[in-house]
Protein backbone atom coordinates (compact mmCIF):
# COMPACT_ATOMS: atom_id res chain seq x y z
CA MET A 1 48.67 -43.51 21.47
CA ALA A 2 47.34 -40.69 19.30
CA ALA A 3 43.99 -38.94 19.43
CA ARG A 4 42.10 -36.13 17.79
CA ILE A 5 39.96 -33.46 19.41
CA TYR A 6 37.10 -31.96 17.46
CA GLN A 7 33.79 -30.22 17.99
CA ARG A 8 30.77 -32.43 17.41
CA PRO A 9 29.15 -31.49 14.05
CA LYS A 10 25.47 -30.68 13.60
CA ASN A 11 23.34 -33.66 12.66
CA ALA A 12 22.52 -33.32 8.96
CA MET A 13 19.29 -35.30 9.28
CA GLN A 14 17.68 -32.98 11.84
CA SER A 15 17.24 -29.25 12.24
CA GLY A 16 18.11 -29.22 15.96
CA LYS A 17 21.46 -28.14 17.32
CA ALA A 18 21.72 -30.42 20.34
CA ARG A 19 25.20 -31.32 21.58
CA ILE A 20 27.05 -29.23 18.96
CA ASP A 21 28.84 -27.31 21.71
CA GLU A 22 30.54 -30.48 22.98
CA TRP A 23 34.13 -31.35 22.17
CA VAL A 24 35.11 -34.97 21.55
CA LEU A 25 38.43 -36.71 22.17
CA GLU A 26 38.61 -39.74 19.91
CA PHE A 27 41.51 -42.18 19.67
CA GLU A 28 42.95 -43.05 16.28
CA GLN A 29 43.26 -46.65 15.14
CA SER A 30 46.53 -48.29 16.06
CA GLU A 31 46.09 -51.41 13.93
CA ALA A 32 44.49 -52.08 10.58
CA ARG A 33 41.05 -53.59 10.24
CA HIS A 34 40.71 -57.03 8.71
CA ALA A 35 37.83 -59.10 7.39
CA ASP A 36 36.63 -62.01 9.49
CA PRO A 37 37.01 -65.20 7.41
CA LEU A 38 33.78 -66.77 8.66
CA MET A 39 31.26 -63.90 8.70
CA GLY A 40 33.00 -61.34 6.51
CA TRP A 41 32.60 -58.56 9.08
CA THR A 42 35.46 -56.12 9.50
CA GLY A 43 37.11 -55.77 12.86
CA SER A 44 40.36 -55.34 14.71
CA GLY A 45 41.87 -55.95 18.11
CA ASP A 46 42.12 -52.23 18.79
CA THR A 47 39.68 -51.35 21.57
CA GLN A 48 40.87 -47.75 22.00
CA ALA A 49 39.22 -46.78 18.69
CA GLN A 50 35.82 -47.41 20.30
CA VAL A 51 36.36 -44.83 23.06
CA GLN A 52 34.96 -41.30 22.76
CA LEU A 53 35.30 -38.81 25.61
CA ASN A 54 33.09 -35.69 25.72
CA PHE A 55 34.25 -32.35 27.12
CA ALA A 56 32.68 -28.91 27.48
CA SER A 57 35.60 -27.10 25.80
CA SER A 58 38.66 -27.80 23.73
CA GLU A 59 40.89 -26.59 26.58
CA GLU A 60 39.47 -29.26 28.91
CA ALA A 61 40.04 -31.96 26.30
CA LYS A 62 43.60 -30.80 25.64
CA ALA A 63 44.33 -30.66 29.38
CA TYR A 64 43.04 -34.22 29.79
CA ALA A 65 45.24 -35.41 26.91
CA ASP A 66 48.30 -33.69 28.37
CA ARG A 67 47.59 -35.06 31.86
CA HIS A 68 47.44 -38.65 30.55
CA GLY A 69 50.30 -38.39 28.02
CA ILE A 70 48.11 -38.63 24.91
CA ALA A 71 49.40 -36.97 21.74
CA ALA A 72 46.30 -35.11 20.59
CA ARG A 73 45.63 -32.80 17.66
CA VAL A 74 42.86 -30.19 17.87
CA HIS A 75 40.74 -29.83 14.74
CA THR A 76 38.95 -26.49 14.65
CA THR A 77 35.44 -26.24 13.31
CA PRO A 78 35.15 -24.31 10.03
CA VAL A 79 33.01 -21.18 10.10
CA ARG A 80 29.51 -21.85 8.83
CA ASN A 81 28.27 -19.25 6.34
CA LEU A 82 24.51 -19.02 6.23
CA LYS A 83 22.88 -17.95 3.00
CA LEU A 84 19.89 -15.92 4.12
CA GLN A 85 17.26 -15.47 1.48
CA ALA A 86 13.56 -14.89 1.31
CA TYR A 87 11.03 -17.18 -0.34
CA ALA A 88 10.10 -14.30 -2.67
CA ASP A 89 13.62 -14.42 -4.17
CA ASN A 90 12.59 -17.61 -6.00
CA PHE A 91 10.29 -15.58 -8.22
CA ASN A 92 12.67 -12.80 -9.34
């Protein structure tokens, strides 16, 4: 059973920064998805892919994965570069 650990990204639809300091342990899919012949919805028998565990730090998430024998990879968050500019720069 494999998993990935990552920091929750900022919501692109809102300006707030709620819950971006949380780390998430998410299991990878162990079987392929398939289309339901009657409804056409996609699904699989893999219930682990629906589980997300939240942690305060990446060390806590990694310790949990090690304690339960889960092979987990930690994905670091890329550094966000802010482009600071003034409204007056539009008229130069």
